[in-house]
Amino acid sequence: MRLEKSDNPGLILNTAKGHVAYLPADIDRRFGRENLPDHGDLLANLARWASGGDIPLSVEGRGLLDCYLYKQPGRVILHVVNLISAGTGARRLTS
């Protein structure tokens, strides 16, 4: 964050009616623009928490992928996009 100290919360969680996460800070935008690993981990963990762990897809491996799982009559389709390119600013993982 640009400010060293703030009274504004970076994350507000509510479990009164399901799991709701509110991010007043621009963590998602900063992750999208700057590919900050800690922000990506926070967003992924929030998605797991909000879903109660009921996520029908798990993708593991090196790289940066966007995955979209959807249903059509009689089939399930997984759309995978490789986000590593010169235009994204993402770098290929080497380890």
Protein backbone atom coordinates (compact mmCIF):
# COMPACT_ATOMS: atom_id res chain seq x y z
CA MET A 1 0.00 0.00 0.00
CA ARG A 2 1.18 3.50 -0.66
CA LEU A 3 0.30 4.78 2.82
CA GLU A 4 2.48 3.57 5.66
CA LYS A 5 -0.44 3.60 8.11
CA SER A 6 -4.20 3.87 7.65
CA ASP A 7 -7.30 3.43 9.79
CA ASN A 8 -9.13 1.92 6.81
CA PRO A 9 -9.35 -1.88 6.85
CA GLY A 10 -7.90 -3.77 3.89
CA LEU A 11 -10.34 -6.67 4.27
CA ILE A 12 -13.75 -7.08 5.92
CA LEU A 13 -15.25 -10.56 6.39
CA ASN A 14 -18.88 -11.34 7.21
CA THR A 15 -20.44 -14.72 7.89
CA ALA A 16 -23.95 -13.59 8.91
CA LYS A 17 -25.52 -14.73 5.60
CA GLY A 18 -22.96 -16.97 3.93
CA HIS A 19 -19.37 -15.93 3.42
CA VAL A 20 -18.84 -12.38 2.20
CA ALA A 21 -15.46 -10.71 1.73
CA TYR A 22 -15.16 -6.98 1.04
CA LEU A 23 -11.82 -5.54 -0.09
CA PRO A 24 -11.89 -1.73 0.26
CA ALA A 25 -8.26 -1.67 -0.93
CA ASP A 26 -7.54 -2.19 -4.62
CA ILE A 27 -5.86 -5.57 -4.15
CA ASP A 28 -7.52 -7.20 -7.17
CA ARG A 29 -6.64 -4.33 -9.53
CA ARG A 30 -3.06 -4.21 -8.27
CA PHE A 31 -2.72 -7.97 -8.76
CA GLY A 32 -4.10 -7.67 -12.29
CA ARG A 33 -1.72 -4.85 -13.20
CA GLU A 34 1.42 -5.80 -11.32
CA ASN A 35 1.09 -9.58 -10.77
CA LEU A 36 1.95 -9.28 -7.06
CA PRO A 37 2.19 -12.87 -5.73
CA ASP A 38 0.95 -12.04 -2.19
CA HIS A 39 -2.15 -10.38 -3.62
CA GLY A 40 -2.81 -13.40 -5.84
CA ASP A 41 -2.50 -15.73 -2.85
CA LEU A 42 -4.88 -13.56 -0.82
CA LEU A 43 -7.48 -13.51 -3.63
CA ALA A 44 -7.22 -17.28 -4.17
CA ASN A 45 -7.58 -17.95 -0.43
CA LEU A 46 -10.60 -15.61 -0.25
CA ALA A 47 -12.25 -17.49 -3.13
CA ARG A 48 -11.66 -20.81 -1.32
CA TRP A 49 -13.01 -19.38 1.94
CA ALA A 50 -16.09 -17.81 0.32
CA SER A 51 -16.92 -21.04 -1.53
CA GLY A 52 -16.60 -23.14 1.60
CA GLY A 53 -14.02 -25.22 -0.25
CA ASP A 54 -16.58 -26.33 -2.86
CA ILE A 55 -14.55 -25.55 -6.00
CA PRO A 56 -14.96 -28.16 -8.76
CA LEU A 57 -11.60 -27.44 -10.41
CA SER A 58 -7.98 -27.50 -9.32
CA VAL A 59 -5.12 -26.59 -11.66
CA GLU A 60 -1.51 -27.00 -10.55
CA GLY A 61 1.70 -26.36 -12.39
CA ARG A 62 4.15 -23.73 -13.54
CA GLY A 63 2.83 -20.70 -15.35
CA LEU A 64 -0.08 -18.29 -15.21
CA LEU A 65 -3.39 -19.66 -16.44
CA ASP A 66 -6.97 -18.43 -16.52
CA CYS A 67 -9.46 -21.30 -16.23
CA TYR A 68 -13.20 -21.12 -16.77
CA LEU A 69 -15.37 -24.18 -16.18
CA TYR A 70 -18.92 -24.19 -17.52
CA LYS A 71 -21.70 -26.58 -18.46
CA GLN A 72 -23.53 -27.13 -21.70
CA PRO A 73 -26.22 -29.75 -22.24
CA GLY A 74 -24.56 -33.15 -21.95
CA ARG A 75 -21.02 -31.88 -21.29
CA VAL A 76 -18.71 -29.84 -19.11
CA ILE A 77 -16.16 -27.57 -20.79
CA LEU A 78 -12.92 -26.22 -19.36
CA HIS A 79 -11.57 -23.14 -21.14
CA VAL A 80 -7.88 -22.55 -20.36
CA VAL A 81 -5.98 -19.43 -21.43
CA ASN A 82 -2.21 -19.03 -21.13
CA LEU A 83 -1.66 -15.57 -19.65
CA ILE A 84 2.11 -15.54 -20.05
CA SER A 85 2.93 -13.19 -22.90
CA ALA A 86 4.79 -9.99 -23.57
CA GLY A 87 1.55 -8.02 -23.17
CA THR A 88 0.67 -9.19 -19.65
CA GLY A 89 3.93 -8.39 -17.92
CA ALA A 90 3.87 -11.89 -16.41
CA ARG A 91 7.07 -13.88 -16.51
CA ARG A 92 7.48 -17.57 -17.08
CA LEU A 93 8.20 -19.47 -13.86
CA THR A 94 11.55 -21.24 -13.97
CA SER A 95 11.57 -23.34 -10.80
